[in-house]
Amino acid sequence: MLVRTSYEAAPTWVRAVALSLAFGAFWVLSQKLLLAHDWGETLASGALASAIYGIVVGPVAAKKRRLARTEAGLDALPVHQQRTALRAARRGPTPTDPEVRHAALRLAAQRRDRIHAQRVLATTILAAAAAASALAALASSPWWWAATAMFAGLLASQLTETRRLHHRITLLQTRR
């Protein structure tokens, strides 16, 4: 819980660096394990990909985050109540403060609406990626099974998240 709360409260540049480092690590592992490139080339391309990803995705993610927080009314709450609303939108006890509960409800509804709008495209892409990586595992390297498992896990998460959010929204609405 501490890591999630700290990440949620982190400045934009910290979040951009964290995203780019995670992407860079994924890039290096995929290049080294799946394509068997040498370490020098892999690390150089990973550093470049990580930097480009951080520069492009960091500001976009920050803008979307600011917009979502503003629309949910988090800016009007003190910092400790913002953290409570962010946590309550995902899990945990329902806040007793009506303002915090309402902000958590708006955050959960925003996330549900975003997932609902992207469900067909995301499900199609993840299913196709899982199938393609399974075929690659059968045809070339067994390392592709790791990619298959990752895509299948993301697909399962995509399919269950809407139901979980619906349950969370119902809980936040009924606790008055």
N, C-alpha and C. Protein backbone atom coordinates (compact mmCIF):
# COMPACT_ATOMS: atom_id res chain seq x y z
N MET A 1 0.83 -1.18 0.00
CA MET A 1 0.00 0.00 0.00
C MET A 1 0.88 1.25 0.00
N LEU A 2 2.01 1.21 0.69
CA LEU A 2 2.89 2.36 0.76
C LEU A 2 3.44 2.71 -0.62
N VAL A 3 3.83 1.70 -1.39
CA VAL A 3 4.39 1.95 -2.71
C VAL A 3 3.33 2.59 -3.61
N ARG A 4 2.12 2.06 -3.61
CA ARG A 4 1.07 2.62 -4.46
C ARG A 4 0.77 4.06 -4.05
N THR A 5 0.65 4.30 -2.76
CA THR A 5 0.37 5.65 -2.30
C THR A 5 1.52 6.58 -2.66
N SER A 6 2.76 6.15 -2.48
CA SER A 6 3.90 6.97 -2.81
C SER A 6 3.95 7.26 -4.30
N TYR A 7 3.65 6.26 -5.13
CA TYR A 7 3.66 6.45 -6.58
C TYR A 7 2.55 7.41 -6.99
N GLU A 8 1.39 7.28 -6.39
CA GLU A 8 0.27 8.18 -6.71
C GLU A 8 0.61 9.63 -6.36
N ALA A 9 1.37 9.82 -5.29
CA ALA A 9 1.70 11.17 -4.84
C ALA A 9 3.00 11.69 -5.46
N ALA A 10 3.68 10.87 -6.25
CA ALA A 10 4.98 11.25 -6.80
C ALA A 10 4.83 12.37 -7.83
N PRO A 11 5.86 13.22 -7.92
CA PRO A 11 5.85 14.27 -8.95
C PRO A 11 5.85 13.66 -10.35
N THR A 12 5.49 14.46 -11.32
CA THR A 12 5.38 14.00 -12.70
C THR A 12 6.70 13.42 -13.21
N TRP A 13 7.81 14.08 -12.93
CA TRP A 13 9.08 13.61 -13.47
C TRP A 13 9.47 12.25 -12.89
N VAL A 14 9.11 11.99 -11.63
CA VAL A 14 9.42 10.70 -11.00
C VAL A 14 8.60 9.60 -11.67
N ARG A 15 7.33 9.90 -11.93
CA ARG A 15 6.48 8.93 -12.61
C ARG A 15 6.97 8.65 -14.03
N ALA A 16 7.43 9.69 -14.74
CA ALA A 16 7.94 9.52 -16.10
C ALA A 16 9.21 8.67 -16.10
N VAL A 17 10.10 8.91 -15.14
CA VAL A 17 11.32 8.12 -15.04
C VAL A 17 10.99 6.66 -14.71
N ALA A 18 10.05 6.45 -13.79
CA ALA A 18 9.67 5.08 -13.42
C ALA A 18 9.07 4.34 -14.63
N LEU A 19 8.21 5.01 -15.37
CA LEU A 19 7.64 4.39 -16.57
C LEU A 19 8.72 4.07 -17.60
N SER A 20 9.63 5.01 -17.82
CA SER A 20 10.66 4.78 -18.84
C SER A 20 11.64 3.69 -18.41
N LEU A 21 11.96 3.60 -17.13
CA LEU A 21 12.85 2.53 -16.66
C LEU A 21 12.19 1.16 -16.81
N ALA A 22 10.91 1.09 -16.48
CA ALA A 22 10.19 -0.18 -16.65
C ALA A 22 10.15 -0.57 -18.12
N PHE A 23 9.87 0.39 -19.00
CA PHE A 23 9.85 0.10 -20.43
C PHE A 23 11.24 -0.32 -20.92
N GLY A 24 12.27 0.40 -20.46
CA GLY A 24 13.64 0.06 -20.86
C GLY A 24 14.03 -1.35 -20.42
N ALA A 25 13.65 -1.73 -19.20
CA ALA A 25 13.95 -3.08 -18.72
C ALA A 25 13.22 -4.13 -19.57
N PHE A 26 11.97 -3.87 -19.88
CA PHE A 26 11.22 -4.78 -20.75
C PHE A 26 11.88 -4.87 -22.12
N TRP A 27 12.31 -3.75 -22.65
CA TRP A 27 12.95 -3.72 -23.97
C TRP A 27 14.23 -4.56 -23.97
N VAL A 28 15.08 -4.34 -22.96
CA VAL A 28 16.35 -5.08 -22.88
C VAL A 28 16.10 -6.57 -22.76
N LEU A 29 15.17 -6.96 -21.87
CA LEU A 29 14.88 -8.39 -21.71
C LEU A 29 14.33 -9.01 -22.98
N SER A 30 13.42 -8.31 -23.64
CA SER A 30 12.85 -8.88 -24.86
C SER A 30 13.90 -8.98 -25.96
N GLN A 31 14.77 -7.98 -26.08
CA GLN A 31 15.81 -8.03 -27.12
C GLN A 31 16.82 -9.13 -26.83
N LYS A 32 17.21 -9.27 -25.59
CA LYS A 32 18.23 -10.25 -25.23
C LYS A 32 17.69 -11.67 -25.25
N LEU A 33 16.54 -11.89 -24.63
CA LEU A 33 16.02 -13.25 -24.52
C LEU A 33 15.34 -13.75 -25.80
N LEU A 34 14.56 -12.90 -26.41
CA LEU A 34 13.79 -13.36 -27.56
C LEU A 34 14.54 -13.25 -28.87
N LEU A 35 15.35 -12.23 -29.02
CA LEU A 35 16.04 -12.01 -30.29
C LEU A 35 17.53 -12.31 -30.23
N ALA A 36 18.03 -12.61 -29.03
CA ALA A 36 19.43 -13.02 -28.82
C ALA A 36 20.45 -12.01 -29.35
N HIS A 37 20.18 -10.73 -29.16
CA HIS A 37 21.17 -9.71 -29.53
C HIS A 37 22.27 -9.68 -28.49
N ASP A 38 23.44 -9.11 -28.87
CA ASP A 38 24.53 -9.02 -27.89
C ASP A 38 24.21 -7.93 -26.87
N TRP A 39 24.91 -7.99 -25.73
CA TRP A 39 24.59 -7.10 -24.61
C TRP A 39 24.81 -5.63 -24.93
N GLY A 40 25.89 -5.30 -25.64
CA GLY A 40 26.17 -3.90 -25.95
C GLY A 40 25.07 -3.28 -26.78
N GLU A 41 24.68 -3.96 -27.84
CA GLU A 41 23.60 -3.47 -28.70
C GLU A 41 22.28 -3.41 -27.94
N THR A 42 22.03 -4.43 -27.13
CA THR A 42 20.78 -4.49 -26.37
C THR A 42 20.68 -3.35 -25.36
N LEU A 43 21.75 -3.10 -24.61
CA LEU A 43 21.72 -2.03 -23.62
C LEU A 43 21.63 -0.65 -24.27
N ALA A 44 22.34 -0.47 -25.38
CA ALA A 44 22.27 0.82 -26.08
C ALA A 44 20.87 1.07 -26.62
N SER A 45 20.28 0.07 -27.26
CA SER A 45 18.93 0.26 -27.80
C SER A 45 17.91 0.40 -26.67
N GLY A 46 18.13 -0.29 -25.55
CA GLY A 46 17.24 -0.17 -24.40
C GLY A 46 17.29 1.22 -23.79
N ALA A 47 18.49 1.79 -23.69
CA ALA A 47 18.63 3.15 -23.14
C ALA A 47 17.95 4.16 -24.06
N LEU A 48 18.14 4.00 -25.36
CA LEU A 48 17.51 4.91 -26.32
C LEU A 48 15.98 4.77 -26.29
N ALA A 49 15.50 3.54 -26.31
CA ALA A 49 14.05 3.30 -26.27
C ALA A 49 13.45 3.84 -24.97
N SER A 50 14.15 3.64 -23.87
CA SER A 50 13.67 4.12 -22.57
C SER A 50 13.59 5.65 -22.55
N ALA A 51 14.60 6.31 -23.08
CA ALA A 51 14.60 7.78 -23.10
C ALA A 51 13.47 8.31 -23.98
N ILE A 52 13.31 7.73 -25.16
CA ILE A 52 12.25 8.18 -26.06
C ILE A 52 10.88 7.93 -25.43
N TYR A 53 10.71 6.77 -24.83
CA TYR A 53 9.44 6.44 -24.19
C TYR A 53 9.13 7.43 -23.06
N GLY A 54 10.12 7.70 -22.22
CA GLY A 54 9.91 8.63 -21.11
C GLY A 54 9.58 10.04 -21.58
N ILE A 55 10.26 10.49 -22.64
CA ILE A 55 10.03 11.84 -23.16
C ILE A 55 8.65 11.96 -23.78
N VAL A 56 8.20 10.92 -24.48
CA VAL A 56 6.91 10.97 -25.16
C VAL A 56 5.76 10.63 -24.22
N VAL A 57 5.87 9.53 -23.50
CA VAL A 57 4.76 9.04 -22.69
C VAL A 57 4.63 9.78 -21.36
N GLY A 58 5.72 10.22 -20.77
CA GLY A 58 5.67 10.90 -19.49
C GLY A 58 4.73 12.10 -19.47
N PRO A 59 4.92 13.07 -20.37
CA PRO A 59 4.02 14.23 -20.38
C PRO A 59 2.57 13.87 -20.73
N VAL A 60 2.38 12.92 -21.62
CA VAL A 60 1.01 12.51 -21.98
C VAL A 60 0.31 11.90 -20.77
N ALA A 61 1.01 11.01 -20.06
CA ALA A 61 0.44 10.38 -18.88
C ALA A 61 0.17 11.42 -17.79
N ALA A 62 1.06 12.38 -17.63
CA ALA A 62 0.87 13.43 -16.62
C ALA A 62 -0.36 14.27 -16.94
N LYS A 63 -0.54 14.60 -18.20
CA LYS A 63 -1.69 15.41 -18.59
C LYS A 63 -3.00 14.65 -18.34
N LYS A 64 -3.02 13.36 -18.71
CA LYS A 64 -4.23 12.55 -18.47
C LYS A 64 -4.50 12.42 -16.98
N ARG A 65 -3.46 12.27 -16.19
CA ARG A 65 -3.61 12.13 -14.74
C ARG A 65 -4.18 13.41 -14.14
N ARG A 66 -3.63 14.57 -14.55
CA ARG A 66 -4.13 15.86 -14.05
C ARG A 66 -5.60 16.05 -14.42
N LEU A 67 -5.95 15.72 -15.65
CA LEU A 67 -7.32 15.89 -16.11
C LEU A 67 -8.27 15.00 -15.31
N ALA A 68 -7.90 13.74 -15.10
CA ALA A 68 -8.74 12.81 -14.34
C ALA A 68 -8.91 13.28 -12.89
N ARG A 69 -7.82 13.75 -12.29
CA ARG A 69 -7.89 14.22 -10.90
C ARG A 69 -8.77 15.46 -10.78
N THR A 70 -8.67 16.36 -11.77
CA THR A 70 -9.48 17.58 -11.76
C THR A 70 -10.95 17.24 -11.95
N GLU A 71 -11.25 16.36 -12.91
CA GLU A 71 -12.64 15.97 -13.17
C GLU A 71 -13.27 15.27 -11.96
N ALA A 72 -12.46 14.53 -11.22
CA ALA A 72 -12.98 13.82 -10.06
C ALA A 72 -13.11 14.73 -8.84
N GLY A 73 -12.60 15.95 -8.92
CA GLY A 73 -12.71 16.88 -7.81
C GLY A 73 -11.66 16.66 -6.73
N LEU A 74 -10.56 16.00 -7.06
CA LEU A 74 -9.53 15.76 -6.05
C LEU A 74 -8.78 17.02 -5.67
N ASP A 75 -8.68 17.95 -6.58
CA ASP A 75 -7.92 19.18 -6.30
C ASP A 75 -8.52 19.99 -5.15
N ALA A 76 -9.82 19.82 -4.92
CA ALA A 76 -10.49 20.57 -3.86
C ALA A 76 -10.28 19.95 -2.48
N LEU A 77 -9.70 18.75 -2.44
CA LEU A 77 -9.51 18.05 -1.16
C LEU A 77 -8.09 18.22 -0.65
N PRO A 78 -7.91 18.18 0.67
CA PRO A 78 -6.55 18.16 1.23
C PRO A 78 -5.81 16.89 0.80
N VAL A 79 -4.49 16.92 0.87
CA VAL A 79 -3.66 15.82 0.38
C VAL A 79 -4.02 14.48 1.02
N HIS A 80 -4.23 14.44 2.33
CA HIS A 80 -4.53 13.16 2.98
C HIS A 80 -5.89 12.61 2.51
N GLN A 81 -6.84 13.50 2.22
CA GLN A 81 -8.13 13.04 1.71
C GLN A 81 -8.01 12.60 0.24
N GLN A 82 -7.12 13.24 -0.51
CA GLN A 82 -6.88 12.81 -1.89
C GLN A 82 -6.36 11.37 -1.89
N ARG A 83 -5.40 11.10 -1.02
CA ARG A 83 -4.84 9.74 -0.93
C ARG A 83 -5.91 8.73 -0.53
N THR A 84 -6.76 9.12 0.40
CA THR A 84 -7.85 8.23 0.82
C THR A 84 -8.80 7.96 -0.33
N ALA A 85 -9.14 8.99 -1.10
CA ALA A 85 -10.04 8.81 -2.25
C ALA A 85 -9.40 7.95 -3.32
N LEU A 86 -8.12 8.16 -3.59
CA LEU A 86 -7.42 7.34 -4.59
C LEU A 86 -7.41 5.87 -4.18
N ARG A 87 -7.16 5.62 -2.90
CA ARG A 87 -7.13 4.24 -2.39
C ARG A 87 -8.54 3.63 -2.42
N ALA A 88 -9.53 4.42 -2.02
CA ALA A 88 -10.91 3.92 -1.96
C ALA A 88 -11.48 3.65 -3.34
N ALA A 89 -11.00 4.35 -4.35
CA ALA A 89 -11.48 4.10 -5.72
C ALA A 89 -11.07 2.72 -6.20
N ARG A 90 -10.01 2.17 -5.63
CA ARG A 90 -9.52 0.85 -6.06
C ARG A 90 -9.93 -0.27 -5.10
N ARG A 91 -9.77 -0.03 -3.81
CA ARG A 91 -10.06 -1.08 -2.81
C ARG A 91 -10.04 -0.48 -1.42
N GLY A 92 -10.29 -1.33 -0.45
CA GLY A 92 -10.23 -0.88 0.93
C GLY A 92 -11.58 -0.42 1.45
N PRO A 93 -11.57 0.10 2.65
CA PRO A 93 -12.84 0.53 3.26
C PRO A 93 -13.43 1.73 2.53
N THR A 94 -14.75 1.80 2.56
CA THR A 94 -15.45 2.94 1.97
C THR A 94 -15.30 4.14 2.89
N PRO A 95 -14.89 5.29 2.37
CA PRO A 95 -14.71 6.47 3.23
C PRO A 95 -16.03 6.93 3.85
N THR A 96 -15.94 7.39 5.07
CA THR A 96 -17.14 7.90 5.74
C THR A 96 -17.44 9.35 5.36
N ASP A 97 -16.41 10.09 5.00
CA ASP A 97 -16.59 11.48 4.57
C ASP A 97 -17.26 11.49 3.19
N PRO A 98 -18.41 12.15 3.06
CA PRO A 98 -19.14 12.14 1.79
C PRO A 98 -18.35 12.75 0.62
N GLU A 99 -17.55 13.78 0.86
CA GLU A 99 -16.76 14.39 -0.21
C GLU A 99 -15.70 13.43 -0.72
N VAL A 100 -15.03 12.75 0.18
CA VAL A 100 -14.00 11.79 -0.19
C VAL A 100 -14.63 10.61 -0.92
N ARG A 101 -15.74 10.12 -0.39
CA ARG A 101 -16.43 8.99 -1.03
C ARG A 101 -16.88 9.37 -2.43
N HIS A 102 -17.41 10.58 -2.59
CA HIS A 102 -17.88 11.03 -3.90
C HIS A 102 -16.71 11.15 -4.89
N ALA A 103 -15.56 11.65 -4.42
CA ALA A 103 -14.37 11.74 -5.28
C ALA A 103 -13.90 10.34 -5.69
N ALA A 104 -13.92 9.40 -4.74
CA ALA A 104 -13.54 8.02 -5.05
C ALA A 104 -14.51 7.41 -6.05
N LEU A 105 -15.79 7.69 -5.89
CA LEU A 105 -16.81 7.20 -6.82
C LEU A 105 -16.56 7.74 -8.23
N ARG A 106 -16.26 9.03 -8.34
CA ARG A 106 -15.99 9.62 -9.65
C ARG A 106 -14.73 9.02 -10.28
N LEU A 107 -13.69 8.78 -9.48
CA LEU A 107 -12.47 8.16 -10.00
C LEU A 107 -12.74 6.75 -10.52
N ALA A 108 -13.47 5.96 -9.76
CA ALA A 108 -13.78 4.59 -10.18
C ALA A 108 -14.65 4.60 -11.44
N ALA A 109 -15.60 5.52 -11.51
CA ALA A 109 -16.46 5.61 -12.69
C ALA A 109 -15.66 6.03 -13.92
N GLN A 110 -14.72 6.96 -13.74
CA GLN A 110 -13.86 7.36 -14.86
C GLN A 110 -13.07 6.17 -15.40
N ARG A 111 -12.49 5.41 -14.49
CA ARG A 111 -11.69 4.24 -14.90
C ARG A 111 -12.57 3.21 -15.60
N ARG A 112 -13.76 2.96 -15.06
CA ARG A 112 -14.68 2.02 -15.70
C ARG A 112 -15.06 2.49 -17.10
N ASP A 113 -15.34 3.76 -17.25
CA ASP A 113 -15.72 4.30 -18.56
C ASP A 113 -14.56 4.21 -19.56
N ARG A 114 -13.33 4.48 -19.09
CA ARG A 114 -12.16 4.36 -19.98
C ARG A 114 -11.97 2.93 -20.44
N ILE A 115 -12.07 1.99 -19.51
CA ILE A 115 -11.90 0.58 -19.86
C ILE A 115 -13.02 0.13 -20.79
N HIS A 116 -14.23 0.57 -20.52
CA HIS A 116 -15.37 0.20 -21.36
C HIS A 116 -15.19 0.72 -22.79
N ALA A 117 -14.68 1.94 -22.93
CA ALA A 117 -14.48 2.52 -24.26
C ALA A 117 -13.40 1.79 -25.05
N GLN A 118 -12.42 1.21 -24.36
CA GLN A 118 -11.30 0.56 -25.03
C GLN A 118 -11.42 -0.96 -25.07
N ARG A 119 -12.53 -1.51 -24.57
CA ARG A 119 -12.59 -2.95 -24.35
C ARG A 119 -12.45 -3.78 -25.62
N VAL A 120 -13.10 -3.40 -26.72
CA VAL A 120 -13.05 -4.21 -27.94
C VAL A 120 -11.65 -4.20 -28.52
N LEU A 121 -11.07 -3.02 -28.66
CA LEU A 121 -9.73 -2.91 -29.23
C LEU A 121 -8.70 -3.60 -28.34
N ALA A 122 -8.75 -3.35 -27.05
CA ALA A 122 -7.77 -3.94 -26.13
C ALA A 122 -7.89 -5.46 -26.10
N THR A 123 -9.11 -5.97 -26.05
CA THR A 123 -9.31 -7.41 -26.02
C THR A 123 -8.80 -8.05 -27.31
N THR A 124 -9.09 -7.43 -28.44
CA THR A 124 -8.64 -7.96 -29.72
C THR A 124 -7.12 -7.97 -29.81
N ILE A 125 -6.49 -6.87 -29.44
CA ILE A 125 -5.03 -6.78 -29.53
C ILE A 125 -4.36 -7.77 -28.58
N LEU A 126 -4.84 -7.85 -27.34
CA LEU A 126 -4.23 -8.77 -26.38
C LEU A 126 -4.42 -10.23 -26.77
N ALA A 127 -5.61 -10.58 -27.28
CA ALA A 127 -5.84 -11.96 -27.72
C ALA A 127 -4.95 -12.29 -28.92
N ALA A 128 -4.83 -11.37 -29.86
CA ALA A 128 -3.98 -11.60 -31.03
C ALA A 128 -2.51 -11.72 -30.62
N ALA A 129 -2.08 -10.87 -29.68
CA ALA A 129 -0.69 -10.93 -29.22
C ALA A 129 -0.41 -12.25 -28.48
N ALA A 130 -1.37 -12.71 -27.68
CA ALA A 130 -1.19 -14.00 -26.99
C ALA A 130 -1.11 -15.14 -28.00
N ALA A 131 -1.97 -15.12 -29.00
CA ALA A 131 -1.95 -16.17 -30.02
C ALA A 131 -0.66 -16.13 -30.83
N ALA A 132 -0.23 -14.94 -31.21
CA ALA A 132 0.99 -14.81 -32.01
C ALA A 132 2.22 -15.26 -31.21
N SER A 133 2.28 -14.90 -29.94
CA SER A 133 3.43 -15.32 -29.14
C SER A 133 3.40 -16.82 -28.87
N ALA A 134 2.22 -17.40 -28.76
CA ALA A 134 2.13 -18.86 -28.60
C ALA A 134 2.62 -19.55 -29.87
N LEU A 135 2.24 -19.04 -31.02
CA LEU A 135 2.74 -19.60 -32.28
C LEU A 135 4.25 -19.44 -32.40
N ALA A 136 4.77 -18.29 -31.98
CA ALA A 136 6.22 -18.09 -32.00
C ALA A 136 6.92 -19.06 -31.05
N ALA A 137 6.30 -19.36 -29.91
CA ALA A 137 6.90 -20.32 -28.97
C ALA A 137 6.95 -21.71 -29.58
N LEU A 138 5.91 -22.07 -30.30
CA LEU A 138 5.89 -23.38 -30.95
C LEU A 138 6.87 -23.46 -32.12
N ALA A 139 7.04 -22.34 -32.82
CA ALA A 139 7.86 -22.33 -34.02
C ALA A 139 9.34 -22.05 -33.75
N SER A 140 9.65 -21.27 -32.71
CA SER A 140 11.06 -20.90 -32.54
C SER A 140 11.57 -21.14 -31.13
N SER A 141 11.40 -20.17 -30.25
CA SER A 141 12.00 -20.24 -28.93
C SER A 141 10.95 -20.41 -27.84
N PRO A 142 11.24 -21.29 -26.86
CA PRO A 142 10.30 -21.44 -25.75
C PRO A 142 10.18 -20.19 -24.88
N TRP A 143 11.09 -19.22 -25.02
CA TRP A 143 10.99 -17.98 -24.27
C TRP A 143 9.71 -17.22 -24.60
N TRP A 144 9.15 -17.48 -25.78
CA TRP A 144 7.91 -16.80 -26.18
C TRP A 144 6.75 -17.19 -25.27
N TRP A 145 6.85 -18.32 -24.56
CA TRP A 145 5.77 -18.70 -23.63
C TRP A 145 5.63 -17.66 -22.52
N ALA A 146 6.74 -17.01 -22.16
CA ALA A 146 6.66 -15.95 -21.15
C ALA A 146 5.81 -14.79 -21.68
N ALA A 147 5.99 -14.43 -22.94
CA ALA A 147 5.18 -13.38 -23.55
C ALA A 147 3.72 -13.81 -23.62
N THR A 148 3.50 -15.08 -23.96
CA THR A 148 2.13 -15.60 -24.02
C THR A 148 1.45 -15.49 -22.66
N ALA A 149 2.16 -15.87 -21.62
CA ALA A 149 1.61 -15.77 -20.26
C ALA A 149 1.32 -14.32 -19.89
N MET A 150 2.22 -13.42 -20.26
CA MET A 150 2.01 -12.01 -19.94
C MET A 150 0.77 -11.47 -20.65
N PHE A 151 0.64 -11.75 -21.96
CA PHE A 151 -0.52 -11.27 -22.71
C PHE A 151 -1.81 -11.91 -22.21
N ALA A 152 -1.77 -13.18 -21.85
CA ALA A 152 -2.96 -13.84 -21.31
C ALA A 152 -3.35 -13.23 -19.96
N GLY A 153 -2.36 -12.91 -19.14
CA GLY A 153 -2.63 -12.25 -17.86
C GLY A 153 -3.23 -10.88 -18.04
N LEU A 154 -2.70 -10.11 -18.99
CA LEU A 154 -3.26 -8.79 -19.27
C LEU A 154 -4.68 -8.90 -19.81
N LEU A 155 -4.93 -9.90 -20.63
CA LEU A 155 -6.27 -10.12 -21.17
C LEU A 155 -7.25 -10.48 -20.05
N ALA A 156 -6.83 -11.36 -19.16
CA ALA A 156 -7.69 -11.73 -18.02
C ALA A 156 -7.97 -10.51 -17.14
N SER A 157 -6.95 -9.70 -16.92
CA SER A 157 -7.13 -8.48 -16.12
C SER A 157 -8.10 -7.53 -16.81
N GLN A 158 -7.98 -7.38 -18.10
CA GLN A 158 -8.88 -6.51 -18.87
C GLN A 158 -10.32 -6.99 -18.73
N LEU A 159 -10.52 -8.29 -18.78
CA LEU A 159 -11.87 -8.83 -18.73
C LEU A 159 -12.49 -8.78 -17.34
N THR A 160 -11.68 -8.86 -16.29
CA THR A 160 -12.23 -8.87 -14.93
C THR A 160 -12.29 -7.48 -14.30
N GLU A 161 -11.54 -6.53 -14.82
CA GLU A 161 -11.47 -5.21 -14.20
C GLU A 161 -12.81 -4.47 -14.25
N THR A 162 -13.56 -4.60 -15.34
CA THR A 162 -14.85 -3.92 -15.44
C THR A 162 -15.80 -4.42 -14.36
N ARG A 163 -15.85 -5.73 -14.16
CA ARG A 163 -16.73 -6.29 -13.13
C ARG A 163 -16.30 -5.84 -11.73
N ARG A 164 -15.00 -5.81 -11.49
CA ARG A 164 -14.49 -5.38 -10.19
C ARG A 164 -14.84 -3.91 -9.95
N LEU A 165 -14.68 -3.07 -10.97
CA LEU A 165 -15.01 -1.66 -10.82
C LEU A 165 -16.51 -1.45 -10.63
N HIS A 166 -17.31 -2.23 -11.32
CA HIS A 166 -18.76 -2.12 -11.14
C HIS A 166 -19.13 -2.43 -9.68
N HIS A 167 -18.53 -3.47 -9.14
CA HIS A 167 -18.77 -3.83 -7.74
C HIS A 167 -18.30 -2.70 -6.81
N ARG A 168 -17.14 -2.12 -7.11
CA ARG A 168 -16.60 -1.04 -6.28
C ARG A 168 -17.50 0.19 -6.34
N ILE A 169 -17.99 0.52 -7.52
CA ILE A 169 -18.88 1.68 -7.68
C ILE A 169 -20.18 1.46 -6.91
N THR A 170 -20.73 0.27 -6.99
CA THR A 170 -21.94 -0.05 -6.25
C THR A 170 -21.70 0.12 -4.75
N LEU A 171 -20.57 -0.36 -4.28
CA LEU A 171 -20.23 -0.23 -2.85
C LEU A 171 -20.10 1.24 -2.45
N LEU A 172 -19.44 2.04 -3.29
CA LEU A 172 -19.29 3.46 -2.97
C LEU A 172 -20.61 4.23 -3.03
N GLN A 173 -21.52 3.80 -3.89
CA GLN A 173 -22.81 4.46 -4.00
C GLN A 173 -23.74 4.10 -2.86
N THR A 174 -23.72 2.86 -2.41
CA THR A 174 -24.69 2.41 -1.40
C THR A 174 -24.29 2.81 0.01
N ARG A 175 -23.04 3.08 0.25
CA ARG A 175 -22.57 3.45 1.60
C ARG A 175 -22.76 4.94 1.80
N ARG A 176 -23.88 5.33 2.26
CA ARG A 176 -24.19 6.77 2.41
C ARG A 176 -24.04 7.19 3.84
